[in-house]
């Protein structure tokens, strides 16, 4: 039999793991947002690990085509907004009446259909932001370790450092090990491995902007770690 697929652990399970509650409380006391820290711990064990390949691999497009894709989406969004503005095709006017699954389904879908042009333009902006974050750092690399878990772990370490002033490798490692263990994952982690992960991947530093919601409520009274 193969290994069972890791499941998404509950934060209560993670914090019941030995030393996890103490590590969690320490980071929160130092200024890290507890809701986002909990969300990170639940999500990270489910992140796939992938082999090294071209960073555009899996998208179905070349780097060149990917770079042009947001502009194509933006034009499509503008066209869809224009079509929706024509009374004959207005979702608000017609969808509750003509939807094959009935008026209630039509009403629920109306805001989505009505705003779909803006949603597509927003998605185009999101993709452009991702390309700007990754392309300058990764575009010159012929191969890239497409490992979302690695990227998000480094992101977590950066947020811990930004919110608390220190990386707190021991506490983060304790929490990640608890998350992996309670999810059924075979992965293991320790403080030294986290430190090496961060320092050996400078091309992944600072890819994402800071999250204001992780800003510490009070930066006073912190002790060096």
C-alpha atoms as a PDB file:
ATOM      1  CA  UNK A   1       0.000   0.000   0.000  1.00  0.00           C
ATOM      2  CA  UNK A   2       1.174   3.558  -0.769  1.00  0.00           C
ATOM      3  CA  UNK A   3       1.328   6.327   1.721  1.00  0.00           C
ATOM      4  CA  UNK A   4      -1.939   8.027   2.509  1.00  0.00           C
ATOM      5  CA  UNK A   5      -2.303  11.588   1.322  1.00  0.00           C
ATOM      6  CA  UNK A   6      -1.752  14.199   4.066  1.00  0.00           C
ATOM      7  CA  UNK A   7      -4.941  15.796   5.301  1.00  0.00           C
ATOM      8  CA  UNK A   8      -5.520  19.351   6.397  1.00  0.00           C
ATOM      9  CA  UNK A   9      -5.006  19.364  10.169  1.00  0.00           C
ATOM     10  CA  UNK A  10      -7.125  21.425  12.552  1.00  0.00           C
ATOM     11  CA  UNK A  11      -5.324  24.106  14.504  1.00  0.00           C
ATOM     12  CA  UNK A  12      -6.498  22.494  17.752  1.00  0.00           C
ATOM     13  CA  UNK A  13      -4.732  19.255  16.770  1.00  0.00           C
ATOM     14  CA  UNK A  14      -1.545  21.118  15.892  1.00  0.00           C
ATOM     15  CA  UNK A  15      -1.457  23.007  19.185  1.00  0.00           C
ATOM     16  CA  UNK A  16      -2.015  19.789  21.148  1.00  0.00           C
ATOM     17  CA  UNK A  17       1.304  18.462  19.797  1.00  0.00           C
ATOM     18  CA  UNK A  18       4.183  18.575  22.326  1.00  0.00           C
ATOM     19  CA  UNK A  19       5.618  22.095  22.765  1.00  0.00           C
ATOM     20  CA  UNK A  20       3.438  23.519  19.959  1.00  0.00           C
ATOM     21  CA  UNK A  21       1.173  25.615  22.172  1.00  0.00           C
ATOM     22  CA  UNK A  22       4.144  27.213  23.892  1.00  0.00           C
ATOM     23  CA  UNK A  23       5.802  28.053  20.548  1.00  0.00           C
ATOM     24  CA  UNK A  24       2.537  29.436  19.146  1.00  0.00           C
ATOM     25  CA  UNK A  25       1.890  31.625  22.190  1.00  0.00           C
ATOM     26  CA  UNK A  26       5.468  32.925  22.107  1.00  0.00           C
ATOM     27  CA  UNK A  27       5.182  34.105  18.491  1.00  0.00           C
ATOM     28  CA  UNK A  28       1.777  35.663  19.090  1.00  0.00           C
ATOM     29  CA  UNK A  29       3.067  37.434  22.211  1.00  0.00           C
ATOM     30  CA  UNK A  30       5.900  38.836  20.088  1.00  0.00           C
ATOM     31  CA  UNK A  31       3.423  40.355  17.626  1.00  0.00           C
ATOM     32  CA  UNK A  32       2.562  37.734  14.987  1.00  0.00           C
ATOM     33  CA  UNK A  33      -1.128  37.642  14.046  1.00  0.00           C
ATOM     34  CA  UNK A  34      -2.542  34.440  15.527  1.00  0.00           C
ATOM     35  CA  UNK A  35      -5.260  33.938  12.898  1.00  0.00           C
ATOM     36  CA  UNK A  36      -2.827  34.116   9.999  1.00  0.00           C
ATOM     37  CA  UNK A  37      -0.246  31.998  11.796  1.00  0.00           C
ATOM     38  CA  UNK A  38      -2.917  29.360  12.394  1.00  0.00           C
ATOM     39  CA  UNK A  39      -4.000  29.498   8.750  1.00  0.00           C
ATOM     40  CA  UNK A  40      -0.405  29.046   7.617  1.00  0.00           C
ATOM     41  CA  UNK A  41       0.065  25.987   9.795  1.00  0.00           C
ATOM     42  CA  UNK A  42      -3.113  24.382   8.444  1.00  0.00           C
ATOM     43  CA  UNK A  43      -2.225  25.071   4.796  1.00  0.00           C
ATOM     44  CA  UNK A  44       1.510  24.326   4.622  1.00  0.00           C
ATOM     45  CA  UNK A  45       1.298  20.525   5.106  1.00  0.00           C
ATOM     46  CA  UNK A  46      -1.035  20.347   2.097  1.00  0.00           C
ATOM     47  CA  UNK A  47       1.331  22.185  -0.239  1.00  0.00           C
ATOM     48  CA  UNK A  48       2.809  19.925  -2.938  1.00  0.00           C
ATOM     49  CA  UNK A  49       6.518  19.423  -3.467  1.00  0.00           C
ATOM     50  CA  UNK A  50       7.556  19.475  -7.118  1.00  0.00           C
ATOM     51  CA  UNK A  51      10.639  18.602  -9.126  1.00  0.00           C
ATOM     52  CA  UNK A  52      12.949  21.159 -10.666  1.00  0.00           C
ATOM     53  CA  UNK A  53      11.671  22.428 -13.998  1.00  0.00           C
ATOM     54  CA  UNK A  54      11.193  25.574 -16.006  1.00  0.00           C
ATOM     55  CA  UNK A  55       9.203  28.005 -13.842  1.00  0.00           C
ATOM     56  CA  UNK A  56       6.549  28.418 -16.558  1.00  0.00           C
ATOM     57  CA  UNK A  57       6.088  24.655 -16.817  1.00  0.00           C
ATOM     58  CA  UNK A  58       2.576  23.405 -16.141  1.00  0.00           C
ATOM     59  CA  UNK A  59       0.897  26.615 -17.265  1.00  0.00           C
ATOM     60  CA  UNK A  60       0.486  25.391 -20.831  1.00  0.00           C
ATOM     61  CA  UNK A  61       2.235  28.546 -22.068  1.00  0.00           C
ATOM     62  CA  UNK A  62       5.730  29.759 -22.780  1.00  0.00           C
ATOM     63  CA  UNK A  63       7.221  32.541 -20.648  1.00  0.00           C
ATOM     64  CA  UNK A  64       6.586  34.922 -23.530  1.00  0.00           C
ATOM     65  CA  UNK A  65       2.912  33.928 -23.828  1.00  0.00           C
ATOM     66  CA  UNK A  66       2.452  34.119 -20.062  1.00  0.00           C
ATOM     67  CA  UNK A  67       3.833  37.632 -20.088  1.00  0.00           C
ATOM     68  CA  UNK A  68       1.185  38.671 -22.622  1.00  0.00           C
ATOM     69  CA  UNK A  69      -1.680  36.802 -20.994  1.00  0.00           C
ATOM     70  CA  UNK A  70      -2.745  39.529 -18.509  1.00  0.00           C
ATOM     71  CA  UNK A  71      -3.191  42.027 -21.359  1.00  0.00           C
ATOM     72  CA  UNK A  72      -5.358  39.525 -23.221  1.00  0.00           C
ATOM     73  CA  UNK A  73      -7.454  38.963 -20.100  1.00  0.00           C
ATOM     74  CA  UNK A  74      -7.801  42.690 -19.496  1.00  0.00           C
ATOM     75  CA  UNK A  75      -9.126  43.232 -23.016  1.00  0.00           C
ATOM     76  CA  UNK A  76     -11.531  40.325 -22.570  1.00  0.00           C
ATOM     77  CA  UNK A  77     -12.771  41.791 -19.275  1.00  0.00           C
ATOM     78  CA  UNK A  78     -13.382  45.151 -20.920  1.00  0.00           C
ATOM     79  CA  UNK A  79     -15.316  43.474 -23.751  1.00  0.00           C
ATOM     80  CA  UNK A  80     -17.444  41.503 -21.282  1.00  0.00           C
ATOM     81  CA  UNK A  81     -18.271  44.650 -19.311  1.00  0.00           C
ATOM     82  CA  UNK A  82     -19.298  46.331 -22.557  1.00  0.00           C
ATOM     83  CA  UNK A  83     -21.537  43.400 -23.515  1.00  0.00           C
ATOM     84  CA  UNK A  84     -23.164  43.427 -20.065  1.00  0.00           C
ATOM     85  CA  UNK A  85     -23.959  47.124 -20.438  1.00  0.00           C
ATOM     86  CA  UNK A  86     -26.244  46.341 -23.383  1.00  0.00           C
ATOM     87  CA  UNK A  87     -29.797  45.938 -21.971  1.00  0.00           C
ATOM     88  CA  UNK A  88     -30.527  42.892 -24.103  1.00  0.00           C
ATOM     89  CA  UNK A  89     -27.656  40.996 -22.411  1.00  0.00           C
ATOM     90  CA  UNK A  90     -27.832  42.504 -18.926  1.00  0.00           C
ATOM     91  CA  UNK A  91     -27.536  39.715 -16.302  1.00  0.00           C
ATOM     92  CA  UNK A  92     -29.573  41.762 -13.814  1.00  0.00           C
ATOM     93  CA  UNK A  93     -32.451  42.073 -16.249  1.00  0.00           C
ATOM     94  CA  UNK A  94     -32.550  38.583 -17.683  1.00  0.00           C
ATOM     95  CA  UNK A  95     -30.706  36.040 -15.519  1.00  0.00           C
ATOM     96  CA  UNK A  96     -33.371  35.592 -12.803  1.00  0.00           C
ATOM     97  CA  UNK A  97     -35.948  35.052 -15.541  1.00  0.00           C
ATOM     98  CA  UNK A  98     -34.213  32.771 -18.024  1.00  0.00           C
ATOM     99  CA  UNK A  99     -31.750  30.707 -15.953  1.00  0.00           C
ATOM    100  CA  UNK A 100     -32.592  27.011 -16.588  1.00  0.00           C
ATOM    101  CA  UNK A 101     -32.231  26.112 -12.893  1.00  0.00           C
ATOM    102  CA  UNK A 102     -34.772  28.680 -11.772  1.00  0.00           C
ATOM    103  CA  UNK A 103     -35.128  32.189 -10.484  1.00  0.00           C
ATOM    104  CA  UNK A 104     -33.305  31.684  -7.177  1.00  0.00           C
ATOM    105  CA  UNK A 105     -30.186  30.305  -8.861  1.00  0.00           C
ATOM    106  CA  UNK A 106     -30.395  33.138 -11.360  1.00  0.00           C
ATOM    107  CA  UNK A 107     -30.552  35.715  -8.579  1.00  0.00           C
ATOM    108  CA  UNK A 108     -27.494  34.231  -6.841  1.00  0.00           C
ATOM    109  CA  UNK A 109     -25.477  34.240 -10.057  1.00  0.00           C
ATOM    110  CA  UNK A 110     -26.511  37.735 -11.122  1.00  0.00           C
ATOM    111  CA  UNK A 111     -23.813  39.648  -9.153  1.00  0.00           C
ATOM    112  CA  UNK A 112     -21.116  37.279 -10.413  1.00  0.00           C
ATOM    113  CA  UNK A 113     -22.166  37.554 -14.042  1.00  0.00           C
ATOM    114  CA  UNK A 114     -22.737  41.289 -13.721  1.00  0.00           C
ATOM    115  CA  UNK A 115     -19.223  41.871 -12.350  1.00  0.00           C
ATOM    116  CA  UNK A 116     -17.401  39.231 -14.367  1.00  0.00           C
ATOM    117  CA  UNK A 117     -15.603  41.819 -16.492  1.00  0.00           C
ATOM    118  CA  UNK A 118     -14.163  43.450 -13.388  1.00  0.00           C
ATOM    119  CA  UNK A 119     -13.317  40.062 -11.888  1.00  0.00           C
ATOM    120  CA  UNK A 120     -11.349  39.111 -14.991  1.00  0.00           C
ATOM    121  CA  UNK A 121      -9.523  42.450 -14.986  1.00  0.00           C
ATOM    122  CA  UNK A 122      -8.728  41.915 -11.303  1.00  0.00           C
ATOM    123  CA  UNK A 123      -7.357  38.471 -12.074  1.00  0.00           C
ATOM    124  CA  UNK A 124      -5.229  39.994 -14.840  1.00  0.00           C
ATOM    125  CA  UNK A 125      -3.783  42.444 -12.316  1.00  0.00           C
ATOM    126  CA  UNK A 126      -3.101  39.563  -9.912  1.00  0.00           C
ATOM    127  CA  UNK A 127      -1.213  37.617 -12.605  1.00  0.00           C
ATOM    128  CA  UNK A 128       0.806  40.685 -13.550  1.00  0.00           C
ATOM    129  CA  UNK A 129       1.786  41.087  -9.918  1.00  0.00           C
ATOM    130  CA  UNK A 130       2.899  37.451  -9.731  1.00  0.00           C
ATOM    131  CA  UNK A 131       4.986  37.777 -12.896  1.00  0.00           C
ATOM    132  CA  UNK A 132       6.651  40.932 -11.582  1.00  0.00           C
ATOM    133  CA  UNK A 133       7.511  39.159  -8.335  1.00  0.00           C
ATOM    134  CA  UNK A 134       8.873  36.003  -9.897  1.00  0.00           C
ATOM    135  CA  UNK A 135      10.216  36.974 -13.314  1.00  0.00           C
ATOM    136  CA  UNK A 136      12.991  39.350 -12.233  1.00  0.00           C
ATOM    137  CA  UNK A 137      14.228  36.801  -9.675  1.00  0.00           C
ATOM    138  CA  UNK A 138      13.623  33.584 -11.593  1.00  0.00           C
ATOM    139  CA  UNK A 139      13.442  34.508 -15.275  1.00  0.00           C
ATOM    140  CA  UNK A 140      17.204  34.205 -15.758  1.00  0.00           C
ATOM    141  CA  UNK A 141      17.299  30.809 -14.070  1.00  0.00           C
ATOM    142  CA  UNK A 142      16.908  27.958 -16.528  1.00  0.00           C
ATOM    143  CA  UNK A 143      15.467  25.749 -13.804  1.00  0.00           C
ATOM    144  CA  UNK A 144      13.492  26.548 -10.688  1.00  0.00           C
ATOM    145  CA  UNK A 145      12.468  24.341  -7.798  1.00  0.00           C
ATOM    146  CA  UNK A 146       8.692  24.635  -8.127  1.00  0.00           C
ATOM    147  CA  UNK A 147       7.977  23.863  -4.504  1.00  0.00           C
ATOM    148  CA  UNK A 148       5.092  25.913  -3.078  1.00  0.00           C
ATOM    149  CA  UNK A 149       5.858  24.594   0.396  1.00  0.00           C
ATOM    150  CA  UNK A 150       9.405  25.955   0.200  1.00  0.00           C
ATOM    151  CA  UNK A 151       8.214  29.329  -1.098  1.00  0.00           C
ATOM    152  CA  UNK A 152       5.540  29.681   1.595  1.00  0.00           C
ATOM    153  CA  UNK A 153       7.866  28.507   4.368  1.00  0.00           C
ATOM    154  CA  UNK A 154      10.339  31.237   3.429  1.00  0.00           C
ATOM    155  CA  UNK A 155       7.426  33.667   3.281  1.00  0.00           C
ATOM    156  CA  UNK A 156       6.382  32.606   6.792  1.00  0.00           C
ATOM    157  CA  UNK A 157       9.914  33.127   8.092  1.00  0.00           C
ATOM    158  CA  UNK A 158       9.999  36.595   6.556  1.00  0.00           C
ATOM    159  CA  UNK A 159       6.706  37.514   8.220  1.00  0.00           C
ATOM    160  CA  UNK A 160       7.922  36.215  11.582  1.00  0.00           C
ATOM    161  CA  UNK A 161      11.049  38.357  11.208  1.00  0.00           C
ATOM    162  CA  UNK A 162       9.075  41.408  10.109  1.00  0.00           C
ATOM    163  CA  UNK A 163       6.477  41.131  12.867  1.00  0.00           C
ATOM    164  CA  UNK A 164       8.790  40.182  15.737  1.00  0.00           C
ATOM    165  CA  UNK A 165      12.233  41.410  14.721  1.00  0.00           C
ATOM    166  CA  UNK A 166      13.681  37.872  14.779  1.00  0.00           C
ATOM    167  CA  UNK A 167      13.299  34.637  12.815  1.00  0.00           C
ATOM    168  CA  UNK A 168      12.542  32.412  15.837  1.00  0.00           C
ATOM    169  CA  UNK A 169      13.641  29.306  13.928  1.00  0.00           C
ATOM    170  CA  UNK A 170      13.104  27.022  16.933  1.00  0.00           C
ATOM    171  CA  UNK A 171       9.495  28.070  17.464  1.00  0.00           C
ATOM    172  CA  UNK A 172       8.622  27.992  13.762  1.00  0.00           C
ATOM    173  CA  UNK A 173      10.220  24.546  13.386  1.00  0.00           C
ATOM    174  CA  UNK A 174       8.268  23.236  16.373  1.00  0.00           C
ATOM    175  CA  UNK A 175       4.990  24.449  14.887  1.00  0.00           C
ATOM    176  CA  UNK A 176       5.723  23.162  11.392  1.00  0.00           C
ATOM    177  CA  UNK A 177       6.726  19.756  12.743  1.00  0.00           C
ATOM    178  CA  UNK A 178       3.479  19.647  14.707  1.00  0.00           C
ATOM    179  CA  UNK A 179       1.532  20.562  11.559  1.00  0.00           C
ATOM    180  CA  UNK A 180       3.254  17.896   9.459  1.00  0.00           C
ATOM    181  CA  UNK A 181       2.836  15.208  12.116  1.00  0.00           C
ATOM    182  CA  UNK A 182      -0.856  15.857  12.717  1.00  0.00           C
ATOM    183  CA  UNK A 183      -1.571  15.977   8.971  1.00  0.00           C
ATOM    184  CA  UNK A 184      -0.063  12.541   8.387  1.00  0.00           C
ATOM    185  CA  UNK A 185       2.817  13.965   6.341  1.00  0.00           C
ATOM    186  CA  UNK A 186       6.172  12.192   6.437  1.00  0.00           C
ATOM    187  CA  UNK A 187       8.034  15.511   6.308  1.00  0.00           C
ATOM    188  CA  UNK A 188      10.282  16.553   9.183  1.00  0.00           C
ATOM    189  CA  UNK A 189      11.791  19.916  10.010  1.00  0.00           C
ATOM    190  CA  UNK A 190      14.120  21.413  12.595  1.00  0.00           C
ATOM    191  CA  UNK A 191      15.518  24.863  13.319  1.00  0.00           C
ATOM    192  CA  UNK A 192      18.810  24.266  11.518  1.00  0.00           C
ATOM    193  CA  UNK A 193      17.013  23.016   8.398  1.00  0.00           C
ATOM    194  CA  UNK A 194      14.842  26.157   8.357  1.00  0.00           C
ATOM    195  CA  UNK A 195      17.878  28.397   8.727  1.00  0.00           C
ATOM    196  CA  UNK A 196      19.632  26.632   5.836  1.00  0.00           C
ATOM    197  CA  UNK A 197      16.469  26.785   3.718  1.00  0.00           C
ATOM    198  CA  UNK A 198      16.261  30.543   4.144  1.00  0.00           C
ATOM    199  CA  UNK A 199      19.932  31.326   3.569  1.00  0.00           C
ATOM    200  CA  UNK A 200      20.352  28.971   0.609  1.00  0.00           C
ATOM    201  CA  UNK A 201      17.450  30.478  -1.340  1.00  0.00           C
ATOM    202  CA  UNK A 202      18.100  34.239  -1.568  1.00  0.00           C
ATOM    203  CA  UNK A 203      16.284  34.302  -4.934  1.00  0.00           C
ATOM    204  CA  UNK A 204      13.048  33.608  -3.006  1.00  0.00           C
ATOM    205  CA  UNK A 205      13.507  36.434  -0.515  1.00  0.00           C
ATOM    206  CA  UNK A 206      11.118  39.352  -0.686  1.00  0.00           C
ATOM    207  CA  UNK A 207       8.981  37.954  -3.503  1.00  0.00           C
ATOM    208  CA  UNK A 208       5.745  38.949  -1.802  1.00  0.00           C
ATOM    209  CA  UNK A 209       4.893  42.330  -0.279  1.00  0.00           C
ATOM    210  CA  UNK A 210       4.419  42.580   3.456  1.00  0.00           C
ATOM    211  CA  UNK A 211       0.959  41.851   4.853  1.00  0.00           C
ATOM    212  CA  UNK A 212      -0.293  44.728   6.930  1.00  0.00           C
ATOM    213  CA  UNK A 213      -2.536  42.346   8.872  1.00  0.00           C
ATOM    214  CA  UNK A 214       0.598  40.750  10.299  1.00  0.00           C
ATOM    215  CA  UNK A 215       1.925  44.065  11.583  1.00  0.00           C
ATOM    216  CA  UNK A 216       2.622  43.694  15.323  1.00  0.00           C
ATOM    217  CA  UNK A 217       0.230  45.607  17.512  1.00  0.00           C
ATOM    218  CA  UNK A 218       3.081  46.739  19.742  1.00  0.00           C
ATOM    219  CA  UNK A 219       6.761  46.495  18.887  1.00  0.00           C
ATOM    220  CA  UNK A 220       7.929  47.677  22.270  1.00  0.00           C
ATOM    221  CA  UNK A 221       9.550  45.474  24.856  1.00  0.00           C
ATOM    222  CA  UNK A 222      10.955  42.796  22.554  1.00  0.00           C
ATOM    223  CA  UNK A 223      14.001  40.923  23.664  1.00  0.00           C
ATOM    224  CA  UNK A 224      16.610  39.661  21.174  1.00  0.00           C
ATOM    225  CA  UNK A 225      16.443  35.978  20.339  1.00  0.00           C
END
